[in-house]
Amino acid sequence: MQDEIIEIRWHGRGGQGAITAAKIVAEAAFFSGYGGVVMAPSFGTERRGAPVLTSLKISKNKIYDLSPISEPDMVIVLDHLLVEEVDVSAGLKSGGLIIINTPRPPKAFPFDGMKVATADVTTLAAQAGLPTGIVNTGIIGAFAKAAGLLDIDTLTRAIETEFAGKNPEKNSAAARAAYENTLVGGN
């Protein structure tokens, strides 16, 4: 995957911070040597709790294709209930990765032919001192563990920069806790 474009689709709800999480990963990727980074949020009526979708493309080389992602390499789901509401695996490439914020293990999700990673980000983020429902920085830790594209130290530095003055240590602690508690399985 190093020379090609890695396409990541993020599914969340308004207020969870999916767009901010994608932005943090985009910035960390750029500073880690990925010369091509394109992020594009997509959502309907803005309201707390409504489903939101964000696309992120990263590549070692400049990205000229700015079209929406239709066949992602991985999908990140900030709320496991979205799995029942939205076809989060739509277009996911065979053997792709699905990362889900859930207390359930990877084998609980029947995505045939896909790699599934899970972490109870909601609980871990609350234990780190973040307000209930703030899962964006925690899911970045799960992404770091499951995807293996960017190291957790680089990502936590990006988190601390993004949240300077707004509990940076709690946000980075949530990411590290999720990183340490992410389960990765195959289906």
C-alpha atoms as a PDB file:
ATOM      1  CA  MET A   1       0.000   0.000   0.000  1.00  0.00           C
ATOM      2  CA  GLN A   2       2.979   2.346   0.333  1.00  0.00           C
ATOM      3  CA  ASP A   3       2.924   3.637  -3.268  1.00  0.00           C
ATOM      4  CA  GLU A   4      -0.783   3.614  -3.890  1.00  0.00           C
ATOM      5  CA  ILE A   5      -3.601   5.737  -2.590  1.00  0.00           C
ATOM      6  CA  ILE A   6      -5.047   4.467   0.688  1.00  0.00           C
ATOM      7  CA  GLU A   7      -8.713   5.337   0.914  1.00  0.00           C
ATOM      8  CA  ILE A   8     -10.362   5.577   4.330  1.00  0.00           C
ATOM      9  CA  ARG A   9     -14.058   6.241   4.912  1.00  0.00           C
ATOM     10  CA  TRP A  10     -15.194   7.442   8.348  1.00  0.00           C
ATOM     11  CA  HIS A  11     -18.750   6.898   9.633  1.00  0.00           C
ATOM     12  CA  GLY A  12     -19.961   8.751  12.697  1.00  0.00           C
ATOM     13  CA  ARG A  13     -22.704  10.917  14.093  1.00  0.00           C
ATOM     14  CA  GLY A  14     -22.826  14.686  14.322  1.00  0.00           C
ATOM     15  CA  GLY A  15     -21.027  15.728  17.478  1.00  0.00           C
ATOM     16  CA  GLN A  16     -18.763  12.681  17.744  1.00  0.00           C
ATOM     17  CA  GLY A  17     -15.882  14.319  15.934  1.00  0.00           C
ATOM     18  CA  ALA A  18     -15.453  12.067  12.880  1.00  0.00           C
ATOM     19  CA  ILE A  19     -14.400  15.035  10.765  1.00  0.00           C
ATOM     20  CA  THR A  20     -11.901  16.212  13.384  1.00  0.00           C
ATOM     21  CA  ALA A  21     -10.500  12.674  13.721  1.00  0.00           C
ATOM     22  CA  ALA A  22      -9.967  12.423   9.954  1.00  0.00           C
ATOM     23  CA  LYS A  23      -8.314  15.862   9.974  1.00  0.00           C
ATOM     24  CA  ILE A  24      -5.902  14.811  12.739  1.00  0.00           C
ATOM     25  CA  VAL A  25      -4.979  11.610  10.884  1.00  0.00           C
ATOM     26  CA  ALA A  26      -4.531  13.624   7.659  1.00  0.00           C
ATOM     27  CA  GLU A  27      -2.135  16.034   9.369  1.00  0.00           C
ATOM     28  CA  ALA A  28      -0.185  13.210  11.023  1.00  0.00           C
ATOM     29  CA  ALA A  29       0.056  11.393   7.681  1.00  0.00           C
ATOM     30  CA  PHE A  30       1.391  14.498   5.963  1.00  0.00           C
ATOM     31  CA  PHE A  31       4.043  15.050   8.638  1.00  0.00           C
ATOM     32  CA  SER A  32       4.959  11.346   8.449  1.00  0.00           C
ATOM     33  CA  GLY A  33       5.948  11.615   4.806  1.00  0.00           C
ATOM     34  CA  TYR A  34       2.690  11.017   2.974  1.00  0.00           C
ATOM     35  CA  GLY A  35       2.965  13.711   0.309  1.00  0.00           C
ATOM     36  CA  GLY A  36      -0.604  13.263  -0.817  1.00  0.00           C
ATOM     37  CA  VAL A  37      -3.426  13.863   1.642  1.00  0.00           C
ATOM     38  CA  VAL A  38      -7.022  14.681   0.679  1.00  0.00           C
ATOM     39  CA  MET A  39      -9.897  14.922   3.150  1.00  0.00           C
ATOM     40  CA  ALA A  40     -13.508  15.620   2.201  1.00  0.00           C
ATOM     41  CA  PRO A  41     -16.387  15.671   4.706  1.00  0.00           C
ATOM     42  CA  SER A  42     -19.864  14.818   3.458  1.00  0.00           C
ATOM     43  CA  PHE A  43     -23.036  15.163   5.474  1.00  0.00           C
ATOM     44  CA  GLY A  44     -26.658  16.139   5.110  1.00  0.00           C
ATOM     45  CA  THR A  45     -28.436  18.489   7.452  1.00  0.00           C
ATOM     46  CA  GLU A  46     -26.030  19.340  10.232  1.00  0.00           C
ATOM     47  CA  ARG A  47     -27.414  18.225  13.545  1.00  0.00           C
ATOM     48  CA  ARG A  48     -26.114  16.401  16.564  1.00  0.00           C
ATOM     49  CA  GLY A  49     -26.637  12.649  16.223  1.00  0.00           C
ATOM     50  CA  ALA A  50     -27.247  12.599  12.462  1.00  0.00           C
ATOM     51  CA  PRO A  51     -24.988  10.263  10.458  1.00  0.00           C
ATOM     52  CA  VAL A  52     -21.915  11.943   8.974  1.00  0.00           C
ATOM     53  CA  LEU A  53     -19.395  10.644   6.492  1.00  0.00           C
ATOM     54  CA  THR A  54     -15.835  11.758   5.896  1.00  0.00           C
ATOM     55  CA  SER A  55     -13.388  10.568   3.273  1.00  0.00           C
ATOM     56  CA  LEU A  56      -9.628  10.571   3.640  1.00  0.00           C
ATOM     57  CA  LYS A  57      -7.093   9.612   0.993  1.00  0.00           C
ATOM     58  CA  ILE A  58      -3.401   9.328   1.764  1.00  0.00           C
ATOM     59  CA  SER A  59      -0.489   8.453  -0.479  1.00  0.00           C
ATOM     60  CA  LYS A  60       3.274   8.766  -0.521  1.00  0.00           C
ATOM     61  CA  ASN A  61       2.801  10.686  -3.783  1.00  0.00           C
ATOM     62  CA  LYS A  62       0.656  13.669  -4.699  1.00  0.00           C
ATOM     63  CA  ILE A  63      -3.025  12.802  -5.174  1.00  0.00           C
ATOM     64  CA  TYR A  64      -4.692  14.153  -8.293  1.00  0.00           C
ATOM     65  CA  ASP A  65      -7.942  12.197  -7.940  1.00  0.00           C
ATOM     66  CA  LEU A  66     -10.242  14.306  -5.771  1.00  0.00           C
ATOM     67  CA  SER A  67     -13.364  12.244  -6.475  1.00  0.00           C
ATOM     68  CA  PRO A  68     -15.383  10.768  -3.611  1.00  0.00           C
ATOM     69  CA  ILE A  69     -14.320   7.396  -2.251  1.00  0.00           C
ATOM     70  CA  SER A  70     -16.436   4.555  -3.606  1.00  0.00           C
ATOM     71  CA  GLU A  71     -14.150   1.595  -2.849  1.00  0.00           C
ATOM     72  CA  PRO A  72     -12.309   2.265   0.411  1.00  0.00           C
ATOM     73  CA  ASP A  73      -9.433   0.193   1.732  1.00  0.00           C
ATOM     74  CA  MET A  74     -10.723   0.695   5.252  1.00  0.00           C
ATOM     75  CA  VAL A  75     -13.766   1.975   7.090  1.00  0.00           C
ATOM     76  CA  ILE A  76     -13.787   3.506  10.564  1.00  0.00           C
ATOM     77  CA  VAL A  77     -17.066   3.466  12.508  1.00  0.00           C
ATOM     78  CA  LEU A  78     -17.338   5.760  15.535  1.00  0.00           C
ATOM     79  CA  ASP A  79     -20.696   4.331  16.686  1.00  0.00           C
ATOM     80  CA  HIS A  80     -21.340   0.589  16.419  1.00  0.00           C
ATOM     81  CA  LEU A  81     -25.099   1.236  16.122  1.00  0.00           C
ATOM     82  CA  LEU A  82     -24.421   2.673  12.662  1.00  0.00           C
ATOM     83  CA  VAL A  83     -23.592  -0.869  11.518  1.00  0.00           C
ATOM     84  CA  GLU A  84     -27.343  -1.615  11.833  1.00  0.00           C
ATOM     85  CA  GLU A  85     -28.445   1.657  10.198  1.00  0.00           C
ATOM     86  CA  VAL A  86     -25.996   2.161   7.338  1.00  0.00           C
ATOM     87  CA  ASP A  87     -24.188  -0.263   5.037  1.00  0.00           C
ATOM     88  CA  VAL A  88     -20.778   0.739   6.379  1.00  0.00           C
ATOM     89  CA  SER A  89     -19.045  -1.932   4.301  1.00  0.00           C
ATOM     90  CA  ALA A  90     -20.508  -0.684   0.987  1.00  0.00           C
ATOM     91  CA  GLY A  91     -17.767  -0.790  -1.632  1.00  0.00           C
ATOM     92  CA  LEU A  92     -15.094  -1.936   0.831  1.00  0.00           C
ATOM     93  CA  LYS A  93     -12.359  -3.739  -1.068  1.00  0.00           C
ATOM     94  CA  SER A  94     -12.024  -7.476  -0.530  1.00  0.00           C
ATOM     95  CA  GLY A  95      -9.819  -8.085   2.484  1.00  0.00           C
ATOM     96  CA  GLY A  96     -10.430  -4.511   3.647  1.00  0.00           C
ATOM     97  CA  LEU A  97     -10.353  -3.351   7.240  1.00  0.00           C
ATOM     98  CA  ILE A  98     -13.329  -2.232   9.339  1.00  0.00           C
ATOM     99  CA  ILE A  99     -12.544  -0.530  12.660  1.00  0.00           C
ATOM    100  CA  ILE A 100     -15.527  -0.244  15.020  1.00  0.00           C
ATOM    101  CA  ASN A 101     -16.051   1.536  18.339  1.00  0.00           C
ATOM    102  CA  THR A 102     -17.884  -1.194  20.237  1.00  0.00           C
ATOM    103  CA  PRO A 103     -17.611  -3.258  23.407  1.00  0.00           C
ATOM    104  CA  ARG A 104     -18.118  -6.381  21.255  1.00  0.00           C
ATOM    105  CA  PRO A 105     -15.246  -8.519  19.862  1.00  0.00           C
ATOM    106  CA  PRO A 106     -14.397  -8.560  16.133  1.00  0.00           C
ATOM    107  CA  LYS A 107     -16.048 -11.960  15.616  1.00  0.00           C
ATOM    108  CA  ALA A 108     -19.422 -10.411  16.572  1.00  0.00           C
ATOM    109  CA  PHE A 109     -19.483  -8.611  13.208  1.00  0.00           C
ATOM    110  CA  PRO A 110     -20.200 -10.831  10.187  1.00  0.00           C
ATOM    111  CA  PHE A 111     -18.219  -9.023   7.518  1.00  0.00           C
ATOM    112  CA  ASP A 112     -17.081 -11.970   5.395  1.00  0.00           C
ATOM    113  CA  GLY A 113     -13.669 -11.604   3.826  1.00  0.00           C
ATOM    114  CA  MET A 114     -12.876  -8.469   5.821  1.00  0.00           C
ATOM    115  CA  LYS A 115     -10.511  -7.805   8.690  1.00  0.00           C
ATOM    116  CA  VAL A 116     -12.436  -6.390  11.661  1.00  0.00           C
ATOM    117  CA  ALA A 117     -10.934  -4.492  14.584  1.00  0.00           C
ATOM    118  CA  THR A 118     -12.871  -3.383  17.642  1.00  0.00           C
ATOM    119  CA  ALA A 119     -12.249  -1.282  20.738  1.00  0.00           C
ATOM    120  CA  ASP A 120     -14.625   0.006  23.402  1.00  0.00           C
ATOM    121  CA  VAL A 121     -13.570   3.560  22.676  1.00  0.00           C
ATOM    122  CA  THR A 122     -16.599   5.059  24.418  1.00  0.00           C
ATOM    123  CA  THR A 123     -15.649   3.511  27.767  1.00  0.00           C
ATOM    124  CA  LEU A 124     -11.910   4.090  27.336  1.00  0.00           C
ATOM    125  CA  ALA A 125     -12.386   7.764  26.446  1.00  0.00           C
ATOM    126  CA  ALA A 126     -14.610   8.285  29.505  1.00  0.00           C
ATOM    127  CA  GLN A 127     -11.981   6.567  31.681  1.00  0.00           C
ATOM    128  CA  ALA A 128      -9.398   8.984  30.249  1.00  0.00           C
ATOM    129  CA  GLY A 129     -11.575  11.850  31.527  1.00  0.00           C
ATOM    130  CA  LEU A 130     -13.302  12.941  28.315  1.00  0.00           C
ATOM    131  CA  PRO A 131     -17.024  13.815  28.320  1.00  0.00           C
ATOM    132  CA  THR A 132     -19.375  10.931  27.524  1.00  0.00           C
ATOM    133  CA  GLY A 133     -19.691  10.347  23.788  1.00  0.00           C
ATOM    134  CA  ILE A 134     -16.434  12.032  22.748  1.00  0.00           C
ATOM    135  CA  VAL A 135     -14.771   9.214  20.828  1.00  0.00           C
ATOM    136  CA  ASN A 136     -12.828  10.870  18.013  1.00  0.00           C
ATOM    137  CA  THR A 137      -9.393  10.803  19.626  1.00  0.00           C
ATOM    138  CA  GLY A 138      -9.896   7.300  20.977  1.00  0.00           C
ATOM    139  CA  ILE A 139     -10.824   5.908  17.573  1.00  0.00           C
ATOM    140  CA  ILE A 140      -7.533   7.316  16.263  1.00  0.00           C
ATOM    141  CA  GLY A 141      -5.732   4.974  18.670  1.00  0.00           C
ATOM    142  CA  ALA A 142      -7.754   2.016  17.377  1.00  0.00           C
ATOM    143  CA  PHE A 143      -6.873   3.101  13.833  1.00  0.00           C
ATOM    144  CA  ALA A 144      -3.159   3.239  14.735  1.00  0.00           C
ATOM    145  CA  LYS A 145      -3.225  -0.313  16.106  1.00  0.00           C
ATOM    146  CA  ALA A 146      -5.370  -1.925  13.398  1.00  0.00           C
ATOM    147  CA  ALA A 147      -4.104  -0.135  10.286  1.00  0.00           C
ATOM    148  CA  GLY A 148      -0.411   0.087  11.144  1.00  0.00           C
ATOM    149  CA  LEU A 149       0.058   3.059   8.797  1.00  0.00           C
ATOM    150  CA  LEU A 150       1.041   5.686  11.352  1.00  0.00           C
ATOM    151  CA  ASP A 151       2.637   5.195  14.734  1.00  0.00           C
ATOM    152  CA  ILE A 152       0.776   6.066  17.917  1.00  0.00           C
ATOM    153  CA  ASP A 153       3.387   8.631  19.007  1.00  0.00           C
ATOM    154  CA  THR A 154       2.963  10.660  15.811  1.00  0.00           C
ATOM    155  CA  LEU A 155      -0.804  10.486  16.122  1.00  0.00           C
ATOM    156  CA  THR A 156      -0.860  11.523  19.787  1.00  0.00           C
ATOM    157  CA  ARG A 157       1.384  14.490  18.989  1.00  0.00           C
ATOM    158  CA  ALA A 158      -1.120  15.520  16.298  1.00  0.00           C
ATOM    159  CA  ILE A 159      -3.971  15.068  18.792  1.00  0.00           C
ATOM    160  CA  GLU A 160      -2.199  17.218  21.390  1.00  0.00           C
ATOM    161  CA  THR A 161      -1.578  19.933  18.798  1.00  0.00           C
ATOM    162  CA  GLU A 162      -5.231  19.898  17.674  1.00  0.00           C
ATOM    163  CA  PHE A 163      -6.516  20.059  21.243  1.00  0.00           C
ATOM    164  CA  ALA A 164      -3.940  22.463  22.707  1.00  0.00           C
ATOM    165  CA  GLY A 165      -5.744  24.242  25.525  1.00  0.00           C
ATOM    166  CA  LYS A 166      -8.637  21.730  25.422  1.00  0.00           C
ATOM    167  CA  ASN A 167      -7.496  18.730  27.497  1.00  0.00           C
ATOM    168  CA  PRO A 168      -4.730  17.531  25.153  1.00  0.00           C
ATOM    169  CA  GLU A 169      -3.475  15.011  27.733  1.00  0.00           C
ATOM    170  CA  LYS A 170      -6.931  13.437  28.175  1.00  0.00           C
ATOM    171  CA  ASN A 171      -7.394  13.187  24.410  1.00  0.00           C
ATOM    172  CA  SER A 172      -4.000  11.583  23.864  1.00  0.00           C
ATOM    173  CA  ALA A 173      -4.625   9.244  26.827  1.00  0.00           C
ATOM    174  CA  ALA A 174      -7.877   8.123  25.186  1.00  0.00           C
ATOM    175  CA  ALA A 175      -5.984   7.349  21.960  1.00  0.00           C
ATOM    176  CA  ARG A 176      -3.279   5.398  23.785  1.00  0.00           C
ATOM    177  CA  ALA A 177      -5.846   3.418  25.803  1.00  0.00           C
ATOM    178  CA  ALA A 178      -7.747   2.501  22.640  1.00  0.00           C
ATOM    179  CA  TYR A 179      -4.473   1.568  20.926  1.00  0.00           C
ATOM    180  CA  GLU A 180      -3.609  -0.794  23.775  1.00  0.00           C
ATOM    181  CA  ASN A 181      -7.100  -2.323  23.894  1.00  0.00           C
ATOM    182  CA  THR A 182      -7.900  -2.788  20.192  1.00  0.00           C
ATOM    183  CA  LEU A 183      -8.705  -6.345  19.155  1.00  0.00           C
ATOM    184  CA  VAL A 184      -8.012  -7.305  15.550  1.00  0.00           C
ATOM    185  CA  GLY A 185      -9.590 -10.349  13.942  1.00  0.00           C
ATOM    186  CA  GLY A 186     -10.310 -11.721  10.500  1.00  0.00           C
ATOM    187  CA  ASN A 187     -13.531 -13.031   9.046  1.00  0.00           C
END
